[in-house]
Protein backbone atom coordinates (compact mmCIF):
# COMPACT_ATOMS: atom_id res chain seq x y z
CA MET A 1 61.69 27.33 49.68
CA PHE A 2 62.06 30.00 47.37
CA PHE A 3 65.73 30.30 46.90
CA VAL A 4 67.72 34.10 46.13
CA LYS A 5 70.67 35.68 45.41
CA ILE A 6 72.34 36.95 48.62
CA ALA A 7 75.00 39.48 49.30
CA VAL A 8 76.00 38.56 52.97
CA LEU A 9 78.30 41.10 55.12
CA VAL A 10 80.23 39.65 57.25
CA SER A 11 82.81 40.99 59.75
CA GLY A 12 85.13 37.90 60.87
CA GLY A 13 83.01 37.47 64.12
CA VAL A 14 81.04 34.68 65.09
CA ASP A 15 77.53 36.19 64.60
CA SER A 16 77.98 37.07 60.99
CA SER A 17 79.98 34.00 59.98
CA VAL A 18 76.62 31.80 61.38
CA ALA A 19 74.38 34.05 59.59
CA LEU A 20 76.60 33.26 56.48
CA ALA A 21 76.52 29.38 57.53
CA ILE A 22 72.80 29.45 57.87
CA LEU A 23 72.07 31.01 54.52
CA LYS A 24 74.55 28.69 52.53
CA ASN A 25 72.83 25.65 54.54
CA GLN A 26 69.54 27.03 53.19
CA GLY A 27 70.53 26.49 49.68
CA HIS A 28 70.65 30.25 48.62
CA ASP A 29 73.18 31.91 45.95
CA ILE A 30 75.33 33.80 48.36
CA THR A 31 78.56 35.87 48.34
CA ALA A 32 80.13 36.82 51.15
CA PHE A 33 81.56 40.52 51.33
CA TYR A 34 83.93 42.34 53.68
CA LEU A 35 83.90 45.97 53.89
CA LYS A 36 87.37 47.74 54.44
CA ILE A 37 86.78 50.47 56.42
CA TRP A 38 89.82 51.05 58.25
CA LEU A 39 91.61 54.30 58.08
CA GLU A 40 94.75 53.10 58.02
CA ASP A 41 96.68 56.18 57.12
CA GLU A 42 94.58 58.48 59.82
CA LEU A 43 95.17 56.10 62.52
CA SER A 44 98.42 54.26 61.54
CA PHE A 45 100.37 56.03 64.25
CA LEU A 46 98.09 54.97 66.97
CA GLY A 47 98.36 51.53 66.63
CA SER A 48 98.18 48.43 64.34
CA CYS A 49 94.88 48.44 62.49
CA PRO A 50 93.59 44.77 63.06
CA TRP A 51 91.56 44.64 59.70
CA GLU A 52 93.92 41.98 58.45
CA ASP A 53 93.10 39.69 61.71
CA ASP A 54 89.51 40.14 60.60
CA LEU A 55 90.06 39.49 56.95
CA ALA A 56 92.17 36.27 57.86
CA ASN A 57 89.11 34.85 59.90
CA VAL A 58 86.50 36.10 57.24
CA THR A 59 89.09 34.19 54.42
CA ALA A 60 88.87 31.14 56.89
CA VAL A 61 85.10 31.01 57.33
CA CYS A 62 84.35 31.59 53.33
CA GLU A 63 86.94 28.66 52.70
CA HIS A 64 85.31 26.41 55.06
CA LEU A 65 82.01 27.02 53.77
CA ASP A 66 83.00 27.19 50.30
CA VAL A 67 81.40 30.30 49.55
CA PRO A 68 83.04 33.26 47.45
CA LEU A 69 84.40 36.32 49.04
CA GLN A 70 84.54 40.01 47.94
CA VAL A 71 86.44 42.93 49.71
CA ILE A 72 84.82 46.01 49.23
CA PRO A 73 86.76 49.38 50.23
CA LEU A 74 84.53 52.22 51.80
CA GLN A 75 86.85 54.04 53.70
CA LYS A 76 86.08 57.37 51.84
CA GLU A 77 82.14 56.72 52.19
CA TYR A 78 83.11 55.75 56.32
CA TRP A 79 85.05 58.93 56.76
CA ASP A 80 82.57 61.30 55.01
CA ALA A 81 79.35 59.52 56.76
CA VAL A 82 80.41 58.58 60.03
CA VAL A 83 84.09 59.68 61.13
CA SER A 84 83.61 63.18 60.32
CA TYR A 85 79.88 63.09 61.72
CA THR A 86 81.79 61.59 65.12
CA ILE A 87 84.54 64.63 65.50
CA ARG A 88 82.04 67.20 64.45
CA GLU A 89 79.48 65.98 67.46
CA ALA A 90 82.16 65.72 69.96
CA GLN A 91 83.54 69.02 69.21
CA GLU A 92 80.21 70.65 69.70
CA GLY A 93 79.51 68.88 72.86
CA ARG A 94 77.34 66.25 71.92
CA THR A 95 77.77 62.54 72.18
CA PRO A 96 77.86 60.77 68.90
CA ASN A 97 76.55 57.25 68.19
CA PRO A 98 78.52 56.28 64.97
CA ASP A 99 77.18 52.82 64.88
CA VAL A 100 73.31 54.15 63.91
CA LEU A 101 75.16 56.19 61.26
CA CYS A 102 77.25 53.42 59.77
CA ASN A 103 74.11 51.21 59.14
CA GLN A 104 72.02 54.08 57.73
CA PHE A 105 74.58 55.52 55.38
CA VAL A 106 77.37 52.78 54.77
CA LYS A 107 76.54 48.95 55.31
CA PHE A 108 73.01 49.56 54.08
CA ASP A 109 73.63 52.51 51.52
CA ALA A 110 76.91 53.09 50.10
CA PHE A 111 77.26 49.03 50.13
CA PHE A 112 73.94 48.79 48.18
CA LYS A 113 75.29 50.99 45.75
CA LYS A 114 78.58 49.42 45.34
CA ILE A 115 77.11 45.88 44.49
CA SER A 116 75.31 44.52 41.59
CA PRO A 117 71.69 45.03 41.65
CA ASP A 118 71.21 41.16 40.75
CA TYR A 119 71.68 40.56 44.49
CA GLU A 120 67.98 40.42 45.83
CA LYS A 121 68.88 40.59 49.68
CA ILE A 122 71.76 41.75 51.87
CA ALA A 123 72.30 40.01 55.23
CA THR A 124 73.97 40.52 58.12
CA GLY A 125 74.48 39.13 61.35
CA HIS A 126 72.63 41.70 63.38
CA TYR A 127 70.05 40.72 66.15
CA ALA A 128 66.66 41.93 64.94
CA HIS A 129 64.05 40.90 62.46
CA ILE A 130 61.75 42.40 60.05
CA GLU A 131 57.92 41.68 59.55
CA GLU A 132 55.92 42.53 56.35
CA ASN A 133 52.65 44.05 57.42
CA ASN A 134 50.37 45.11 54.20
CA GLY A 135 53.44 46.39 52.65
CA LEU A 136 54.67 47.80 55.58
CA TYR A 137 58.22 46.60 56.58
CA LEU A 138 58.65 46.72 60.66
CA LEU A 139 61.64 46.36 62.60
CA LYS A 140 61.19 43.85 65.48
CA CYS A 141 63.31 43.14 68.43
CA ALA A 142 65.54 39.72 68.74
CA PRO A 143 64.43 37.72 71.59
CA ASP A 144 67.74 38.22 73.50
CA VAL A 145 67.32 41.62 75.51
CA ILE A 146 71.11 41.97 75.78
CA LYS A 147 71.93 41.30 72.27
CA ASP A 148 69.27 43.01 70.51
CA GLN A 149 70.52 45.86 67.93
CA THR A 150 67.66 47.45 67.01
CA TYR A 151 68.43 50.62 68.68
CA PHE A 152 71.50 50.84 66.09
CA LEU A 153 68.97 49.96 63.27
CA SER A 154 66.56 52.53 64.00
CA HIS A 155 67.20 54.93 61.28
CA LEU A 156 66.59 52.65 58.62
CA SER A 157 64.16 53.15 56.01
CA GLN A 158 61.51 51.09 53.98
CA GLU A 159 63.72 51.27 50.89
CA GLN A 160 66.33 49.89 53.27
CA LEU A 161 64.30 47.15 55.26
CA LYS A 162 62.48 45.29 52.14
CA ARG A 163 65.78 44.65 50.75
CA ILE A 164 67.54 43.28 54.17
CA LEU A 165 67.62 39.90 55.89
CA PHE A 166 68.82 38.84 59.46
CA PRO A 167 68.95 35.27 59.78
CA LEU A 168 69.79 35.46 63.55
CA GLY A 169 66.50 37.61 64.35
CA PHE A 170 65.29 34.63 66.35
CA PHE A 171 68.08 33.50 67.95
CA THR A 172 69.97 34.09 71.33
CA LYS A 173 73.65 34.57 71.47
CA GLU A 174 74.01 31.29 73.24
CA GLN A 175 72.34 29.68 70.36
CA VAL A 176 74.41 31.70 67.96
CA ARG A 177 77.42 30.08 69.69
CA GLN A 178 75.90 26.63 69.64
CA LYS A 179 75.39 26.77 66.00
CA ALA A 180 79.01 28.23 65.42
CA VAL A 181 80.18 24.75 66.76
CA GLU A 182 77.62 22.91 64.76
CA PHE A 183 78.62 24.09 61.64
CA ASN A 184 82.45 23.63 62.73
CA LEU A 185 83.36 27.44 61.68
CA PRO A 186 86.78 28.08 62.47
CA ASN A 187 86.20 31.32 64.38
CA ALA A 188 83.77 29.56 66.69
CA GLN A 189 85.50 30.45 69.64
CA ARG A 190 86.38 34.16 68.91
CA LYS A 191 85.51 36.45 71.42
CA ASP A 192 82.90 39.16 70.49
CA SER A 193 84.33 42.90 69.62
CA TYR A 194 83.15 45.96 71.50
CA GLY A 195 83.46 49.35 70.79
CA ILE A 196 83.39 51.53 67.88
CA CYS A 197 84.20 49.44 64.92
CA PHE A 198 86.94 51.67 63.03
CA LEU A 199 89.26 52.16 66.48
CA GLY A 200 89.80 48.57 66.72
CA LYS A 201 91.91 48.77 70.19
CA ILE A 202 92.43 52.20 69.88
CA SER A 203 90.53 54.32 72.56
CA PHE A 204 87.91 56.75 71.82
CA ASP A 205 90.02 59.37 73.88
CA ASP A 206 93.18 58.94 72.06
CA PHE A 207 91.36 59.11 68.58
CA LEU A 208 89.77 62.52 69.87
CA GLU A 209 92.95 63.76 71.23
CA HIS A 210 94.25 62.98 67.84
CA HIS A 211 91.61 65.17 66.11
CA LEU A 212 90.71 67.97 68.50
CA SER A 213 93.89 67.83 70.79
CA LYS A 214 93.62 69.08 74.54
CA LYS A 215 92.24 71.98 75.81
CA PRO A 216 92.47 72.27 79.48
CA GLY A 217 89.01 73.97 81.30
CA ASN A 218 87.41 74.09 84.81
CA LEU A 219 85.80 71.19 86.59
CA ILE A 220 83.33 72.99 88.46
CA GLU A 221 81.11 71.71 91.37
CA PHE A 222 77.43 71.69 89.77
CA GLU A 223 75.76 72.90 93.16
CA THR A 224 78.31 75.66 94.52
CA GLY A 225 80.05 76.99 91.31
CA LYS A 226 83.35 75.89 92.90
CA ILE A 227 86.47 74.87 90.54
CA MET A 228 87.18 71.47 91.78
CA GLY A 229 89.88 71.24 89.46
CA GLN A 230 91.10 70.65 85.60
CA HIS A 231 90.16 68.64 82.75
CA GLN A 232 91.45 68.41 79.14
CA GLY A 233 88.71 69.28 77.14
CA PHE A 234 84.84 68.76 77.54
CA TRP A 235 84.73 66.33 74.29
CA PHE A 236 86.39 64.00 76.73
CA HIS A 237 83.22 63.68 79.02
CA THR A 238 79.66 62.70 78.59
CA ILE A 239 76.62 63.18 80.78
CA GLY A 240 76.38 60.96 83.45
CA GLN A 241 80.20 59.81 83.35
CA ARG A 242 81.92 58.82 86.50
CA LYS A 243 85.15 57.16 85.40
CA GLY A 244 88.14 59.68 84.22
CA ILE A 245 87.57 62.61 85.97
CA GLY A 246 90.36 62.40 88.30
CA LEU A 247 89.37 63.95 91.57
CA SER A 248 89.69 62.80 95.17
CA GLY A 249 86.83 62.82 97.41
CA GLY A 250 84.08 61.15 95.26
CA PRO A 251 82.55 59.72 93.30
CA TRP A 252 81.95 62.90 91.12
CA PHE A 253 79.27 62.64 88.19
CA VAL A 254 79.23 64.43 85.21
CA VAL A 255 76.11 66.62 85.27
CA THR A 256 76.51 68.76 82.20
CA LYS A 257 79.12 70.79 80.23
CA ASN A 258 79.39 73.91 78.13
CA ALA A 259 81.25 73.93 75.10
CA VAL A 260 81.24 77.64 74.76
CA THR A 261 83.19 78.15 78.04
CA ASN A 262 84.90 74.68 77.85
CA GLU A 263 83.40 74.22 81.60
CA VAL A 264 82.37 70.64 82.70
CA PHE A 265 80.19 70.65 85.85
CA ILE A 266 80.18 67.51 88.15
CA SER A 267 78.46 66.71 91.43
CA LYS A 268 78.98 63.95 94.03
CA ASN A 269 75.33 64.00 94.84
CA TYR A 270 74.28 63.01 91.01
CA HIS A 271 71.48 60.65 92.63
CA ASP A 272 70.03 63.46 94.56
CA PRO A 273 66.14 63.25 94.46
CA SER A 274 66.07 66.64 93.44
CA LYS A 275 68.13 66.40 90.24
CA GLU A 276 65.57 65.01 88.08
CA ARG A 277 66.72 63.45 85.01
CA LYS A 278 63.71 62.28 83.40
CA SER A 279 62.63 64.83 80.53
CA PHE A 280 64.21 66.11 77.42
CA ALA A 281 63.85 67.11 73.88
CA VAL A 282 64.24 65.36 70.81
CA GLU A 283 64.83 66.75 67.12
CA ARG A 284 65.31 65.12 63.64
CA LEU A 285 62.87 62.50 64.25
CA HIS A 286 62.70 59.47 61.85
CA TRP A 287 59.76 57.17 61.92
CA ILE A 288 60.58 53.53 59.98
CA ALA A 289 57.09 52.87 58.70
CA ASN A 290 56.79 56.74 57.69
CA GLN A 291 54.00 57.00 60.18
CA VAL A 292 53.85 59.25 63.44
CA PRO A 293 52.78 56.89 66.61
CA ALA A 294 49.21 57.28 67.09
CA GLN A 295 49.72 57.00 71.07
CA PRO A 296 51.60 59.05 73.43
CA SER A 297 52.58 56.09 75.56
CA LEU A 298 55.62 54.37 74.27
CA HIS A 299 58.92 53.00 75.47
CA VAL A 300 62.31 54.30 74.74
CA LYS A 301 65.84 53.49 74.89
CA LEU A 302 68.81 56.06 75.24
CA ARG A 303 71.60 53.82 74.72
CA HIS A 304 72.09 49.99 73.38
CA GLY A 305 71.23 47.37 76.04
CA PRO A 306 68.13 46.13 77.38
CA GLU A 307 66.72 49.16 79.37
CA LYS A 308 63.71 50.45 78.15
CA HIS A 309 62.05 53.44 80.03
CA PRO A 310 57.98 53.79 79.92
CA CYS A 311 57.72 57.43 78.41
CA THR A 312 55.33 60.12 76.76
CA LEU A 313 55.81 61.74 73.81
CA THR A 314 54.44 64.84 72.81
CA LEU A 315 54.91 65.89 69.27
CA HIS A 316 56.20 69.50 68.02
CA GLU A 317 56.55 71.37 65.03
CA ASN A 318 60.08 71.56 62.94
CA ASN A 319 60.21 67.56 63.69
CA THR A 320 60.69 67.79 67.32
CA ALA A 321 59.09 66.39 70.29
CA SER A 322 59.10 66.28 74.25
CA VAL A 323 60.02 63.09 75.99
CA ILE A 324 58.92 62.71 79.40
CA LEU A 325 60.56 59.27 81.17
CA ALA A 326 58.67 57.59 84.02
CA ASN A 327 61.80 57.22 86.05
CA ASN A 328 65.19 58.91 85.74
CA ASP A 329 68.13 57.66 83.76
CA GLN A 330 71.82 57.90 84.40
CA GLY A 331 72.91 59.86 81.39
CA ILE A 332 70.53 61.67 79.25
CA ALA A 333 73.08 63.13 76.94
CA PRO A 334 72.91 65.47 73.89
CA GLY A 335 73.54 63.88 70.47
CA GLN A 336 72.73 60.54 71.74
CA PHE A 337 69.76 58.75 69.70
CA ALA A 338 66.67 58.12 71.67
CA VAL A 339 64.57 55.13 70.11
CA PHE A 340 61.31 54.67 70.68
CA TYR A 341 59.28 51.32 70.77
CA ASP A 342 55.88 49.99 70.82
CA ASN A 343 55.94 46.60 72.59
CA ASP A 344 58.67 44.53 70.31
CA THR A 345 58.34 47.08 67.38
CA CYS A 346 61.23 49.62 66.92
CA LEU A 347 59.05 52.64 65.77
CA GLY A 348 62.04 55.04 64.87
CA CYS A 349 64.47 57.53 66.66
CA GLY A 350 65.22 61.17 67.27
CA VAL A 351 68.39 62.60 68.33
CA ILE A 352 68.51 64.32 72.08
CA SER A 353 68.59 68.29 71.91
CA LEU A 354 71.56 70.03 73.12
CA PRO A 355 70.05 72.04 76.34
CA PRO A 356 70.77 75.54 77.07
CA ALA A 357 74.37 76.17 78.66
CA PRO A 358 73.97 76.33 82.42
CA THR A 359 74.34 79.78 83.69
CA VAL A 360 73.39 78.99 87.57
CA PHE A 361 73.79 76.71 89.98
CA SER A 362 70.88 74.83 91.64
């Protein structure tokens, strides 16, 4: 085996710890790196910041494996690239996805620039794998369709992919848990974390309220235009949302919203066949292999998870396209990333465009 010098990003969770143990066991020259992105001053009043617990787990794992550990502070870079984007997107009526930008601009960009160029590869615990084909680096899905994380990696470039390793790319979550026990890792039983990484246990609504405050507006029945109640700000709601509307007589679903008038349109008949939800536009297209797909019939994910829709992609000028799904989707939300696939290859992504504000009722 060819041994290389590898920088391994660790978070304190089981996945990155197993990735670290695998590479250590293979004999590579490895150093573990923990990225400190917690916004302590910004969010301290909302609750305790759990990065100390994460770092304690990272330290224990590194001591157990006899791997050197470095802590890299990237709070400013994270704020500039991820947090400010999240606030801006919500304020403009879109649904942000901070994890996509974190991978693109922080883990695989700002971190690259912080460490020595002597590190030939950067490894993480993501569920995905990279395949080289005639000088092109392809992003391929993991066998575990539930844990596959290509959705969050869909904005990476060729320059980034050629330097990345995903040691868990061919494992399922169950196999990774088993390996954590086999390696006798001190965090083998630690539960997975969910949600936006920089918030920890802080709710996204509390984060938005801190930055955007509350702004009462009308909840309007989509079919009739009747005012049904009040909301506290359109940024607290996303397309397809059911929980948190706060009205009786439902269930109610968010159909659309108007950021200009601060109106949220809701319906009890969200799944009615007349409300077709299978076409949308995308902008800011990014193709991982720098090649536009040759065929129009692909699959698309609109969020992280196992569901892929068969779709038809029609390309337009100005790096935009139209997408038609084979089936309706629960929530086609502007600002979300639409990620395109050809079988198990992640081709790239685009951002779902903001449609015209609703002016009539149907």
